[in-house]
Amino acid sequence: MSNGSAAIVQKLWNYCNVLRDAGLSYGDYLEQLTYLLFLKMAHERTQPPFNQPPIIPADLDWPSLFEYEGIPLEHH
């Protein structure tokens, strides 16, 4: 595994640890992280060099997550 891939895997496991420590079960945090990865990948496909039309509504896409923190982010 390359250093870049290993860093991504480690970062993902770190997020898993944070969610687990917050009381989420394996199934819950797997669902949450899968959804976040989906949003991030869908957003990246709208950027160069792909420039594809978005498949996620603007109020629910990856950049919309940065408008919130804490409980409002969880509700969003």
Protein backbone atom coordinates (compact mmCIF):
# COMPACT_ATOMS: atom_id res chain seq x y z
CA MET A 1 0.00 0.00 0.00
CA SER A 2 1.39 3.43 -0.92
CA ASN A 3 2.03 6.09 1.73
CA GLY A 4 -0.94 8.13 0.46
CA SER A 5 -3.29 5.16 0.68
CA ALA A 6 -1.99 4.22 4.11
CA ALA A 7 -2.56 7.79 5.32
CA ILE A 8 -6.15 7.74 4.09
CA VAL A 9 -6.82 4.38 5.74
CA GLN A 10 -5.32 5.63 9.00
CA LYS A 11 -7.42 8.80 8.88
CA LEU A 12 -10.55 6.73 8.29
CA TRP A 13 -9.75 4.48 11.27
CA ASN A 14 -9.17 7.58 13.39
CA TYR A 15 -12.68 8.77 12.49
CA CYS A 16 -14.02 5.32 13.36
CA ASN A 17 -12.37 5.55 16.77
CA VAL A 18 -13.87 8.99 17.43
CA LEU A 19 -17.36 7.81 16.47
CA ARG A 20 -17.02 4.60 18.48
CA ASP A 21 -15.86 6.58 21.51
CA ALA A 22 -18.92 8.81 21.07
CA GLY A 23 -21.10 5.75 21.56
CA LEU A 24 -21.91 4.72 17.99
CA SER A 25 -21.99 1.06 17.12
CA TYR A 26 -19.96 -0.42 14.28
CA GLY A 27 -22.98 -0.44 11.98
CA ASP A 28 -23.82 3.17 12.82
CA TYR A 29 -20.38 4.61 12.20
CA LEU A 30 -19.89 2.47 9.10
CA GLU A 31 -23.09 3.97 7.69
CA GLN A 32 -22.03 7.52 8.59
CA LEU A 33 -18.54 7.21 7.10
CA THR A 34 -19.84 5.52 3.96
CA TYR A 35 -22.28 8.37 3.41
CA LEU A 36 -19.56 10.99 3.94
CA LEU A 37 -17.26 9.22 1.47
CA PHE A 38 -20.10 9.09 -1.06
CA LEU A 39 -20.72 12.85 -0.68
CA LYS A 40 -17.01 13.63 -1.00
CA MET A 41 -16.57 11.47 -4.10
CA ALA A 42 -19.72 12.91 -5.72
CA HIS A 43 -18.35 16.41 -5.10
CA GLU A 44 -14.92 15.58 -6.52
CA ARG A 45 -16.56 14.40 -9.76
CA THR A 46 -17.97 17.93 -10.23
CA GLN A 47 -14.45 19.41 -10.08
CA PRO A 48 -11.78 19.50 -12.81
CA PRO A 49 -10.77 17.40 -14.67
CA PHE A 50 -14.14 15.57 -14.53
CA ASN A 51 -16.52 18.57 -14.54
CA GLN A 52 -19.61 16.37 -14.36
CA PRO A 53 -22.99 17.78 -13.34
CA PRO A 54 -23.78 17.32 -9.64
CA ILE A 55 -25.92 14.35 -8.66
CA ILE A 56 -26.57 15.63 -5.10
CA PRO A 57 -28.85 18.63 -4.40
CA ALA A 58 -26.85 21.73 -3.44
CA ASP A 59 -28.38 21.94 0.04
CA LEU A 60 -27.24 18.37 0.82
CA ASP A 61 -23.87 18.17 -0.94
CA TRP A 62 -20.35 18.02 0.49
CA PRO A 63 -19.76 21.83 0.63
CA SER A 64 -23.05 22.30 2.50
CA LEU A 65 -21.57 20.39 5.45
CA PHE A 66 -19.11 23.21 6.13
CA GLU A 67 -21.91 25.63 7.02
CA TYR A 68 -22.63 23.78 10.27
CA GLU A 69 -20.92 22.62 13.46
CA GLY A 70 -21.95 20.41 16.35
CA ILE A 71 -25.61 19.54 16.77
CA PRO A 72 -26.79 21.57 13.74
CA LEU A 73 -24.34 19.57 11.59
CA GLU A 74 -25.70 16.31 13.01
CA HIS A 75 -29.25 17.40 12.22
CA HIS A 76 -28.29 18.52 8.71
